[in-house]
PDB file of N, CA and C in Angstrom:
ATOM      1  N   MET A   1       0.814  -1.193   0.000  1.00  0.00           N
ATOM      2  CA  MET A   1       0.000   0.000   0.000  1.00  0.00           C
ATOM      3  C   MET A   1       0.863   1.265   0.000  1.00  0.00           C
ATOM      4  N   ASN A   2       2.096   1.162   0.491  1.00  0.00           N
ATOM      5  CA  ASN A   2       2.992   2.317   0.475  1.00  0.00           C
ATOM      6  C   ASN A   2       3.275   2.776  -0.952  1.00  0.00           C
ATOM      7  N   VAL A   3       3.368   1.831  -1.882  1.00  0.00           N
ATOM      8  CA  VAL A   3       3.602   2.181  -3.286  1.00  0.00           C
ATOM      9  C   VAL A   3       2.426   2.998  -3.820  1.00  0.00           C
ATOM     10  N   LEU A   4       1.209   2.588  -3.480  1.00  0.00           N
ATOM     11  CA  LEU A   4       0.031   3.329  -3.929  1.00  0.00           C
ATOM     12  C   LEU A   4       0.041   4.749  -3.380  1.00  0.00           C
ATOM     13  N   LEU A   5       0.409   4.905  -2.114  1.00  0.00           N
ATOM     14  CA  LEU A   5       0.464   6.240  -1.510  1.00  0.00           C
ATOM     15  C   LEU A   5       1.472   7.126  -2.234  1.00  0.00           C
ATOM     16  N   LYS A   6       2.629   6.572  -2.569  1.00  0.00           N
ATOM     17  CA  LYS A   6       3.660   7.344  -3.276  1.00  0.00           C
ATOM     18  C   LYS A   6       3.175   7.759  -4.663  1.00  0.00           C
ATOM     19  N   GLU A   7       2.490   6.852  -5.357  1.00  0.00           N
ATOM     20  CA  GLU A   7       1.986   7.164  -6.690  1.00  0.00           C
ATOM     21  C   GLU A   7       0.878   8.219  -6.628  1.00  0.00           C
ATOM     22  N   ILE A   8       0.008   8.112  -5.652  1.00  0.00           N
ATOM     23  CA  ILE A   8      -1.042   9.125  -5.484  1.00  0.00           C
ATOM     24  C   ILE A   8      -0.401  10.482  -5.225  1.00  0.00           C
ATOM     25  N   PHE A   9       0.585  10.520  -4.332  1.00  0.00           N
ATOM     26  CA  PHE A   9       1.265  11.780  -4.022  1.00  0.00           C
ATOM     27  C   PHE A   9       1.901  12.379  -5.279  1.00  0.00           C
ATOM     28  N   ALA A  10       2.493  11.544  -6.103  1.00  0.00           N
ATOM     29  CA  ALA A  10       3.140  12.026  -7.326  1.00  0.00           C
ATOM     30  C   ALA A  10       2.151  12.688  -8.279  1.00  0.00           C
ATOM     31  N   HIS A  11       0.891  12.284  -8.217  1.00  0.00           N
ATOM     32  CA  HIS A  11      -0.133  12.851  -9.098  1.00  0.00           C
ATOM     33  C   HIS A  11      -0.915  14.008  -8.457  1.00  0.00           C
ATOM     34  N   LYS A  12      -0.611  14.331  -7.217  1.00  0.00           N
ATOM     35  CA  LYS A  12      -1.337  15.396  -6.516  1.00  0.00           C
ATOM     36  C   LYS A  12      -1.359  16.727  -7.268  1.00  0.00           C
ATOM     37  N   PRO A  13      -0.272  17.133  -7.921  1.00  0.00           N
ATOM     38  CA  PRO A  13      -0.299  18.417  -8.643  1.00  0.00           C
ATOM     39  C   PRO A  13      -1.296  18.445  -9.811  1.00  0.00           C
ATOM     40  N   ASN A  14      -1.782  17.294 -10.226  1.00  0.00           N
ATOM     41  CA  ASN A  14      -2.724  17.218 -11.342  1.00  0.00           C
ATOM     42  C   ASN A  14      -4.173  17.419 -10.905  1.00  0.00           C
ATOM     43  N   PHE A  15      -4.364  17.855  -9.664  1.00  0.00           N
ATOM     44  CA  PHE A  15      -5.711  18.018  -9.123  1.00  0.00           C
ATOM     45  C   PHE A  15      -5.844  19.346  -8.403  1.00  0.00           C
ATOM     46  N   VAL A  16      -7.049  19.852  -8.431  1.00  0.00           N
ATOM     47  CA  VAL A  16      -7.384  21.046  -7.664  1.00  0.00           C
ATOM     48  C   VAL A  16      -8.437  20.612  -6.642  1.00  0.00           C
ATOM     49  N   CYS A  17      -8.383  21.200  -5.471  1.00  0.00           N
ATOM     50  CA  CYS A  17      -9.314  20.849  -4.402  1.00  0.00           C
ATOM     51  C   CYS A  17     -10.221  22.032  -4.110  1.00  0.00           C
ATOM     52  N   LYS A  18     -11.478  21.725  -3.925  1.00  0.00           N
ATOM     53  CA  LYS A  18     -12.467  22.764  -3.611  1.00  0.00           C
ATOM     54  C   LYS A  18     -13.256  22.324  -2.392  1.00  0.00           C
ATOM     55  N   PRO A  19     -13.064  22.992  -1.250  1.00  0.00           N
ATOM     56  CA  PRO A  19     -13.845  22.652  -0.060  1.00  0.00           C
ATOM     57  C   PRO A  19     -15.314  23.042  -0.250  1.00  0.00           C
ATOM     58  N   THR A  20     -16.194  22.163   0.193  1.00  0.00           N
ATOM     59  CA  THR A  20     -17.634  22.439   0.147  1.00  0.00           C
ATOM     60  C   THR A  20     -18.228  22.042   1.483  1.00  0.00           C
ATOM     61  N   GLY A  21     -18.042  22.863   2.469  1.00  0.00           N
ATOM     62  CA  GLY A  21     -18.502  22.527   3.812  1.00  0.00           C
ATOM     63  C   GLY A  21     -17.587  21.489   4.428  1.00  0.00           C
ATOM     64  N   GLU A  22     -18.139  20.338   4.757  1.00  0.00           N
ATOM     65  CA  GLU A  22     -17.339  19.283   5.380  1.00  0.00           C
ATOM     66  C   GLU A  22     -16.750  18.328   4.369  1.00  0.00           C
ATOM     67  N   GLU A  23     -16.996  18.560   3.084  1.00  0.00           N
ATOM     68  CA  GLU A  23     -16.463  17.697   2.039  1.00  0.00           C
ATOM     69  C   GLU A  23     -15.431  18.460   1.214  1.00  0.00           C
ATOM     70  N   LEU A  24     -14.665  17.686   0.452  1.00  0.00           N
ATOM     71  CA  LEU A  24     -13.647  18.264  -0.407  1.00  0.00           C
ATOM     72  C   LEU A  24     -13.831  17.671  -1.796  1.00  0.00           C
ATOM     73  N   LEU A  25     -13.993  18.539  -2.794  1.00  0.00           N
ATOM     74  CA  LEU A  25     -14.069  18.068  -4.174  1.00  0.00           C
ATOM     75  C   LEU A  25     -12.655  17.971  -4.717  1.00  0.00           C
ATOM     76  N   LEU A  26     -12.339  16.840  -5.279  1.00  0.00           N
ATOM     77  CA  LEU A  26     -11.040  16.595  -5.895  1.00  0.00           C
ATOM     78  C   LEU A  26     -11.286  16.570  -7.403  1.00  0.00           C
ATOM     79  N   ILE A  27     -10.801  17.608  -8.084  1.00  0.00           N
ATOM     80  CA  ILE A  27     -11.109  17.811  -9.498  1.00  0.00           C
ATOM     81  C   ILE A  27      -9.819  17.693 -10.317  1.00  0.00           C
ATOM     82  N   PRO A  28      -9.817  16.813 -11.329  1.00  0.00           N
ATOM     83  CA  PRO A  28      -8.614  16.670 -12.150  1.00  0.00           C
ATOM     84  C   PRO A  28      -8.403  17.882 -13.056  1.00  0.00           C
ATOM     85  N   LEU A  29      -7.145  18.171 -13.328  1.00  0.00           N
ATOM     86  CA  LEU A  29      -6.779  19.216 -14.273  1.00  0.00           C
ATOM     87  C   LEU A  29      -6.376  18.562 -15.587  1.00  0.00           C
ATOM     88  N   LYS A  30      -6.909  19.079 -16.677  1.00  0.00           N
ATOM     89  CA  LYS A  30      -6.532  18.620 -18.015  1.00  0.00           C
ATOM     90  C   LYS A  30      -6.137  19.854 -18.802  1.00  0.00           C
ATOM     91  N   ASP A  31      -4.882  19.879 -19.249  1.00  0.00           N
ATOM     92  CA  ASP A  31      -4.345  21.044 -19.952  1.00  0.00           C
ATOM     93  C   ASP A  31      -4.503  22.310 -19.100  1.00  0.00           C
ATOM     94  N   ASN A  32      -4.226  22.177 -17.801  1.00  0.00           N
ATOM     95  CA  ASN A  32      -4.294  23.270 -16.826  1.00  0.00           C
ATOM     96  C   ASN A  32      -5.694  23.853 -16.631  1.00  0.00           C
ATOM     97  N   VAL A  33      -6.715  23.082 -16.990  1.00  0.00           N
ATOM     98  CA  VAL A  33      -8.099  23.507 -16.809  1.00  0.00           C
ATOM     99  C   VAL A  33      -8.816  22.431 -16.002  1.00  0.00           C
ATOM    100  N   ALA A  34      -9.602  22.849 -15.032  1.00  0.00           N
ATOM    101  CA  ALA A  34     -10.350  21.897 -14.205  1.00  0.00           C
ATOM    102  C   ALA A  34     -11.382  21.168 -15.067  1.00  0.00           C
ATOM    103  N   ASP A  35     -11.424  19.851 -14.948  1.00  0.00           N
ATOM    104  CA  ASP A  35     -12.378  19.016 -15.679  1.00  0.00           C
ATOM    105  C   ASP A  35     -13.515  18.662 -14.731  1.00  0.00           C
ATOM    106  N   PHE A  36     -14.604  19.430 -14.817  1.00  0.00           N
ATOM    107  CA  PHE A  36     -15.728  19.238 -13.905  1.00  0.00           C
ATOM    108  C   PHE A  36     -16.622  18.067 -14.316  1.00  0.00           C
ATOM    109  N   ASN A  37     -16.279  17.397 -15.416  1.00  0.00           N
ATOM    110  CA  ASN A  37     -17.060  16.230 -15.842  1.00  0.00           C
ATOM    111  C   ASN A  37     -16.796  15.023 -14.955  1.00  0.00           C
ATOM    112  N   GLN A  38     -15.673  15.033 -14.301  1.00  0.00           N
ATOM    113  CA  GLN A  38     -15.385  13.964 -13.344  1.00  0.00           C
ATOM    114  C   GLN A  38     -14.712  14.575 -12.121  1.00  0.00           C
ATOM    115  N   TYR A  39     -15.133  14.139 -10.971  1.00  0.00           N
ATOM    116  CA  TYR A  39     -14.556  14.621  -9.731  1.00  0.00           C
ATOM    117  C   TYR A  39     -14.843  13.585  -8.651  1.00  0.00           C
ATOM    118  N   LEU A  40     -14.129  13.710  -7.569  1.00  0.00           N
ATOM    119  CA  LEU A  40     -14.293  12.807  -6.442  1.00  0.00           C
ATOM    120  C   LEU A  40     -14.654  13.643  -5.229  1.00  0.00           C
ATOM    121  N   VAL A  41     -15.660  13.212  -4.488  1.00  0.00           N
ATOM    122  CA  VAL A  41     -16.063  13.904  -3.270  1.00  0.00           C
ATOM    123  C   VAL A  41     -15.460  13.150  -2.087  1.00  0.00           C
ATOM    124  N   LEU A  42     -14.648  13.846  -1.330  1.00  0.00           N
ATOM    125  CA  LEU A  42     -14.009  13.253  -0.158  1.00  0.00           C
ATOM    126  C   LEU A  42     -14.689  13.748   1.105  1.00  0.00           C
ATOM    127  N   ASN A  43     -14.989  12.829   2.005  1.00  0.00           N
ATOM    128  CA  ASN A  43     -15.530  13.237   3.297  1.00  0.00           C
ATOM    129  C   ASN A  43     -14.387  13.774   4.156  1.00  0.00           C
ATOM    130  N   GLN A  44     -14.671  14.061   5.399  1.00  0.00           N
ATOM    131  CA  GLN A  44     -13.671  14.669   6.284  1.00  0.00           C
ATOM    132  C   GLN A  44     -12.419  13.799   6.408  1.00  0.00           C
ATOM    133  N   LEU A  45     -12.594  12.503   6.552  1.00  0.00           N
ATOM    134  CA  LEU A  45     -11.434  11.618   6.669  1.00  0.00           C
ATOM    135  C   LEU A  45     -10.688  11.523   5.348  1.00  0.00           C
ATOM    136  N   GLY A  46     -11.414  11.399   4.245  1.00  0.00           N
ATOM    137  CA  GLY A  46     -10.771  11.348   2.936  1.00  0.00           C
ATOM    138  C   GLY A  46      -9.970  12.603   2.653  1.00  0.00           C
ATOM    139  N   ALA A  47     -10.534  13.757   3.016  1.00  0.00           N
ATOM    140  CA  ALA A  47      -9.833  15.029   2.845  1.00  0.00           C
ATOM    141  C   ALA A  47      -8.586  15.077   3.721  1.00  0.00           C
ATOM    142  N   TYR A  48      -8.692  14.560   4.937  1.00  0.00           N
ATOM    143  CA  TYR A  48      -7.540  14.522   5.842  1.00  0.00           C
ATOM    144  C   TYR A  48      -6.423  13.675   5.232  1.00  0.00           C
ATOM    145  N   ILE A  49      -6.796  12.534   4.676  1.00  0.00           N
ATOM    146  CA  ILE A  49      -5.811  11.652   4.040  1.00  0.00           C
ATOM    147  C   ILE A  49      -5.156  12.361   2.864  1.00  0.00           C
ATOM    148  N   TRP A  50      -5.957  13.014   2.022  1.00  0.00           N
ATOM    149  CA  TRP A  50      -5.419  13.733   0.863  1.00  0.00           C
ATOM    150  C   TRP A  50      -4.403  14.780   1.312  1.00  0.00           C
ATOM    151  N   GLU A  51      -4.753  15.543   2.328  1.00  0.00           N
ATOM    152  CA  GLU A  51      -3.861  16.591   2.827  1.00  0.00           C
ATOM    153  C   GLU A  51      -2.608  16.016   3.483  1.00  0.00           C
ATOM    154  N   ALA A  52      -2.707  14.826   4.053  1.00  0.00           N
ATOM    155  CA  ALA A  52      -1.569  14.216   4.752  1.00  0.00           C
ATOM    156  C   ALA A  52      -0.552  13.600   3.796  1.00  0.00           C
ATOM    157  N   LEU A  53      -0.941  13.391   2.553  1.00  0.00           N
ATOM    158  CA  LEU A  53      -0.024  12.756   1.598  1.00  0.00           C
ATOM    159  C   LEU A  53       1.174  13.652   1.332  1.00  0.00           C
ATOM    160  N   ASN A  54       2.355  13.073   1.508  1.00  0.00           N
ATOM    161  CA  ASN A  54       3.597  13.770   1.199  1.00  0.00           C
ATOM    162  C   ASN A  54       4.631  12.730   0.771  1.00  0.00           C
ATOM    163  N   SER A  55       5.798  13.174   0.402  1.00  0.00           N
ATOM    164  CA  SER A  55       6.801  12.267  -0.164  1.00  0.00           C
ATOM    165  C   SER A  55       7.307  11.223   0.825  1.00  0.00           C
ATOM    166  N   SER A  56       7.139  11.457   2.112  1.00  0.00           N
ATOM    167  CA  SER A  56       7.656  10.510   3.104  1.00  0.00           C
ATOM    168  C   SER A  56       6.561   9.720   3.832  1.00  0.00           C
ATOM    169  N   ILE A  57       5.322   9.845   3.368  1.00  0.00           N
ATOM    170  CA  ILE A  57       4.220   9.174   4.072  1.00  0.00           C
ATOM    171  C   ILE A  57       4.294   7.658   3.860  1.00  0.00           C
ATOM    172  N   THR A  58       4.002   6.941   4.914  1.00  0.00           N
ATOM    173  CA  THR A  58       3.865   5.484   4.844  1.00  0.00           C
ATOM    174  C   THR A  58       2.494   5.146   5.409  1.00  0.00           C
ATOM    175  N   ILE A  59       2.042   3.951   5.128  1.00  0.00           N
ATOM    176  CA  ILE A  59       0.731   3.555   5.635  1.00  0.00           C
ATOM    177  C   ILE A  59       0.732   3.542   7.160  1.00  0.00           C
ATOM    178  N   ASP A  60       1.831   3.131   7.765  1.00  0.00           N
ATOM    179  CA  ASP A  60       1.915   3.114   9.231  1.00  0.00           C
ATOM    180  C   ASP A  60       1.841   4.526   9.808  1.00  0.00           C
ATOM    181  N   LEU A  61       2.568   5.444   9.203  1.00  0.00           N
ATOM    182  CA  LEU A  61       2.545   6.828   9.673  1.00  0.00           C
ATOM    183  C   LEU A  61       1.165   7.442   9.455  1.00  0.00           C
ATOM    184  N   LEU A  62       0.551   7.163   8.315  1.00  0.00           N
ATOM    185  CA  LEU A  62      -0.786   7.675   8.036  1.00  0.00           C
ATOM    186  C   LEU A  62      -1.780   7.161   9.067  1.00  0.00           C
ATOM    187  N   GLN A  63      -1.724   5.869   9.375  1.00  0.00           N
ATOM    188  CA  GLN A  63      -2.621   5.304  10.383  1.00  0.00           C
ATOM    189  C   GLN A  63      -2.406   5.973  11.737  1.00  0.00           C
ATOM    190  N   GLU A  64      -1.160   6.169  12.101  1.00  0.00           N
ATOM    191  CA  GLU A  64      -0.845   6.797  13.388  1.00  0.00           C
ATOM    192  C   GLU A  64      -1.435   8.211  13.461  1.00  0.00           C
ATOM    193  N   LYS A  65      -1.281   8.975  12.372  1.00  0.00           N
ATOM    194  CA  LYS A  65      -1.822  10.338  12.338  1.00  0.00           C
ATOM    195  C   LYS A  65      -3.344  10.321  12.458  1.00  0.00           C
ATOM    196  N   ILE A  66      -3.991   9.422  11.726  1.00  0.00           N
ATOM    197  CA  ILE A  66      -5.453   9.355  11.746  1.00  0.00           C
ATOM    198  C   ILE A  66      -5.958   8.950  13.125  1.00  0.00           C
ATOM    199  N   LEU A  67      -5.301   7.981  13.738  1.00  0.00           N
ATOM    200  CA  LEU A  67      -5.736   7.507  15.057  1.00  0.00           C
ATOM    201  C   LEU A  67      -5.652   8.595  16.120  1.00  0.00           C
ATOM    202  N   THR A  68      -4.744   9.565  15.933  1.00  0.00           N
ATOM    203  CA  THR A  68      -4.654  10.655  16.911  1.00  0.00           C
ATOM    204  C   THR A  68      -5.693  11.742  16.646  1.00  0.00           C
ATOM    205  N   GLU A  69      -6.237  11.794  15.435  1.00  0.00           N
ATOM    206  CA  GLU A  69      -7.181  12.856  15.066  1.00  0.00           C
ATOM    207  C   GLU A  69      -8.649  12.419  15.054  1.00  0.00           C
ATOM    208  N   PHE A  70      -8.905  11.129  14.847  1.00  0.00           N
ATOM    209  CA  PHE A  70     -10.277  10.643  14.694  1.00  0.00           C
ATOM    210  C   PHE A  70     -10.561   9.531  15.694  1.00  0.00           C
ATOM    211  N   GLU A  71     -11.806   9.421  16.077  1.00  0.00           N
ATOM    212  CA  GLU A  71     -12.226   8.343  16.973  1.00  0.00           C
ATOM    213  C   GLU A  71     -12.600   7.131  16.122  1.00  0.00           C
ATOM    214  N   VAL A  72     -11.661   6.230  15.977  1.00  0.00           N
ATOM    215  CA  VAL A  72     -11.845   5.019  15.184  1.00  0.00           C
ATOM    216  C   VAL A  72     -10.913   3.949  15.749  1.00  0.00           C
ATOM    217  N   THR A  73     -11.348   2.719  15.679  1.00  0.00           N
ATOM    218  CA  THR A  73     -10.474   1.640  16.130  1.00  0.00           C
ATOM    219  C   THR A  73      -9.428   1.364  15.057  1.00  0.00           C
ATOM    220  N   GLN A  74      -8.325   0.833  15.478  1.00  0.00           N
ATOM    221  CA  GLN A  74      -7.255   0.505  14.537  1.00  0.00           C
ATOM    222  C   GLN A  74      -7.744  -0.516  13.509  1.00  0.00           C
ATOM    223  N   GLU A  75      -8.542  -1.472  13.948  1.00  0.00           N
ATOM    224  CA  GLU A  75      -9.049  -2.500  13.041  1.00  0.00           C
ATOM    225  C   GLU A  75      -9.969  -1.895  11.983  1.00  0.00           C
ATOM    226  N   GLN A  76     -10.865  -1.011  12.404  1.00  0.00           N
ATOM    227  CA  GLN A  76     -11.782  -0.379  11.454  1.00  0.00           C
ATOM    228  C   GLN A  76     -11.024   0.526  10.493  1.00  0.00           C
ATOM    229  N   LEU A  77     -10.052   1.263  11.017  1.00  0.00           N
ATOM    230  CA  LEU A  77      -9.265   2.149  10.176  1.00  0.00           C
ATOM    231  C   LEU A  77      -8.520   1.353   9.115  1.00  0.00           C
ATOM    232  N   TYR A  78      -7.897   0.259   9.512  1.00  0.00           N
ATOM    233  CA  TYR A  78      -7.149  -0.552   8.561  1.00  0.00           C
ATOM    234  C   TYR A  78      -8.075  -1.068   7.464  1.00  0.00           C
ATOM    235  N   ALA A  79      -9.248  -1.531   7.831  1.00  0.00           N
ATOM    236  CA  ALA A  79     -10.210  -2.027   6.844  1.00  0.00           C
ATOM    237  C   ALA A  79     -10.642  -0.906   5.901  1.00  0.00           C
ATOM    238  N   ASP A  80     -10.890   0.272   6.453  1.00  0.00           N
ATOM    239  CA  ASP A  80     -11.303   1.408   5.631  1.00  0.00           C
ATOM    240  C   ASP A  80     -10.189   1.828   4.671  1.00  0.00           C
ATOM    241  N   LEU A  81      -8.953   1.861   5.160  1.00  0.00           N
ATOM    242  CA  LEU A  81      -7.835   2.244   4.298  1.00  0.00           C
ATOM    243  C   LEU A  81      -7.582   1.202   3.206  1.00  0.00           C
ATOM    244  N   GLU A  82      -7.777  -0.064   3.537  1.00  0.00           N
ATOM    245  CA  GLU A  82      -7.616  -1.135   2.540  1.00  0.00           C
ATOM    246  C   GLU A  82      -8.578  -0.937   1.371  1.00  0.00           C
ATOM    247  N   GLN A  83      -9.716  -0.341   1.625  1.00  0.00           N
ATOM    248  CA  GLN A  83     -10.697  -0.090   0.570  1.00  0.00           C
ATOM    249  C   GLN A  83     -10.467   1.280  -0.080  1.00  0.00           C
ATOM    250  N   PHE A  84     -10.212   2.309   0.723  1.00  0.00           N
ATOM    251  CA  PHE A  84     -10.140   3.674   0.216  1.00  0.00           C
ATOM    252  C   PHE A  84      -8.888   3.950  -0.620  1.00  0.00           C
ATOM    253  N   ILE A  85      -7.732   3.531  -0.165  1.00  0.00           N
ATOM    254  CA  ILE A  85      -6.481   3.866  -0.854  1.00  0.00           C
ATOM    255  C   ILE A  85      -6.478   3.337  -2.294  1.00  0.00           C
ATOM    256  N   PRO A  86      -6.853   2.078  -2.548  1.00  0.00           N
ATOM    257  CA  PRO A  86      -6.907   1.632  -3.949  1.00  0.00           C
ATOM    258  C   PRO A  86      -7.917   2.411  -4.792  1.00  0.00           C
ATOM    259  N   GLU A  87      -9.056   2.793  -4.209  1.00  0.00           N
ATOM    260  CA  GLU A  87     -10.041   3.590  -4.951  1.00  0.00           C
ATOM    261  C   GLU A  87      -9.476   4.970  -5.285  1.00  0.00           C
ATOM    262  N   LEU A  88      -8.806   5.600  -4.324  1.00  0.00           N
ATOM    263  CA  LEU A  88      -8.193   6.895  -4.565  1.00  0.00           C
ATOM    264  C   LEU A  88      -7.101   6.774  -5.634  1.00  0.00           C
ATOM    265  N   HIS A  89      -6.363   5.682  -5.595  1.00  0.00           N
ATOM    266  CA  HIS A  89      -5.313   5.445  -6.586  1.00  0.00           C
ATOM    267  C   HIS A  89      -5.916   5.308  -7.985  1.00  0.00           C
ATOM    268  N   ARG A  90      -7.005   4.567  -8.116  1.00  0.00           N
ATOM    269  CA  ARG A  90      -7.654   4.399  -9.420  1.00  0.00           C
ATOM    270  C   ARG A  90      -8.103   5.745  -9.992  1.00  0.00           C
ATOM    271  N   PHE A  91      -8.590   6.617  -9.127  1.00  0.00           N
ATOM    272  CA  PHE A  91      -9.068   7.921  -9.585  1.00  0.00           C
ATOM    273  C   PHE A  91      -7.929   8.850  -9.937  1.00  0.00           C
ATOM    274  N   THR A  92      -6.874   8.863  -9.129  1.00  0.00           N
ATOM    275  CA  THR A  92      -5.803   9.848  -9.311  1.00  0.00           C
ATOM    276  C   THR A  92      -4.695   9.405 -10.250  1.00  0.00           C
ATOM    277  N   CYS A  93      -4.583   8.113 -10.474  1.00  0.00           N
ATOM    278  CA  CYS A  93      -3.478   7.584 -11.294  1.00  0.00           C
ATOM    279  C   CYS A  93      -4.029   6.772 -12.466  1.00  0.00           C
ATOM    280  N   PRO A  94      -4.712   7.436 -13.403  1.00  0.00           N
ATOM    281  CA  PRO A  94      -5.291   6.687 -14.517  1.00  0.00           C
ATOM    282  C   PRO A  94      -4.190   6.084 -15.388  1.00  0.00           C
ATOM    283  N   LYS A  95      -4.498   4.972 -15.947  1.00  0.00           N
ATOM    284  CA  LYS A  95      -3.524   4.272 -16.811  1.00  0.00           C
ATOM    285  C   LYS A  95      -3.477   4.905 -18.173  1.00  0.00           C
TER     286      LYS A  95
END
């Protein structure tokens, strides 16, 4: 999963973020223009994960950061990340 995090981070500059209350719209840029035909809506945790992505992030460090900020069990968090990170990767790193 660390590889997926690194690849997502590498593609971060290709997206613009627009906060909408408690959610964050993740909008891809195509030719330096926002493509509103496709976007991803991130909830508070998803937005936190997006903001936490950096060149040195690991899944262990990400889990540690989330556990200090959100009320969630480690088991539930791991299950959620196992599902969310690949979905975020599919959206941000198109083939």
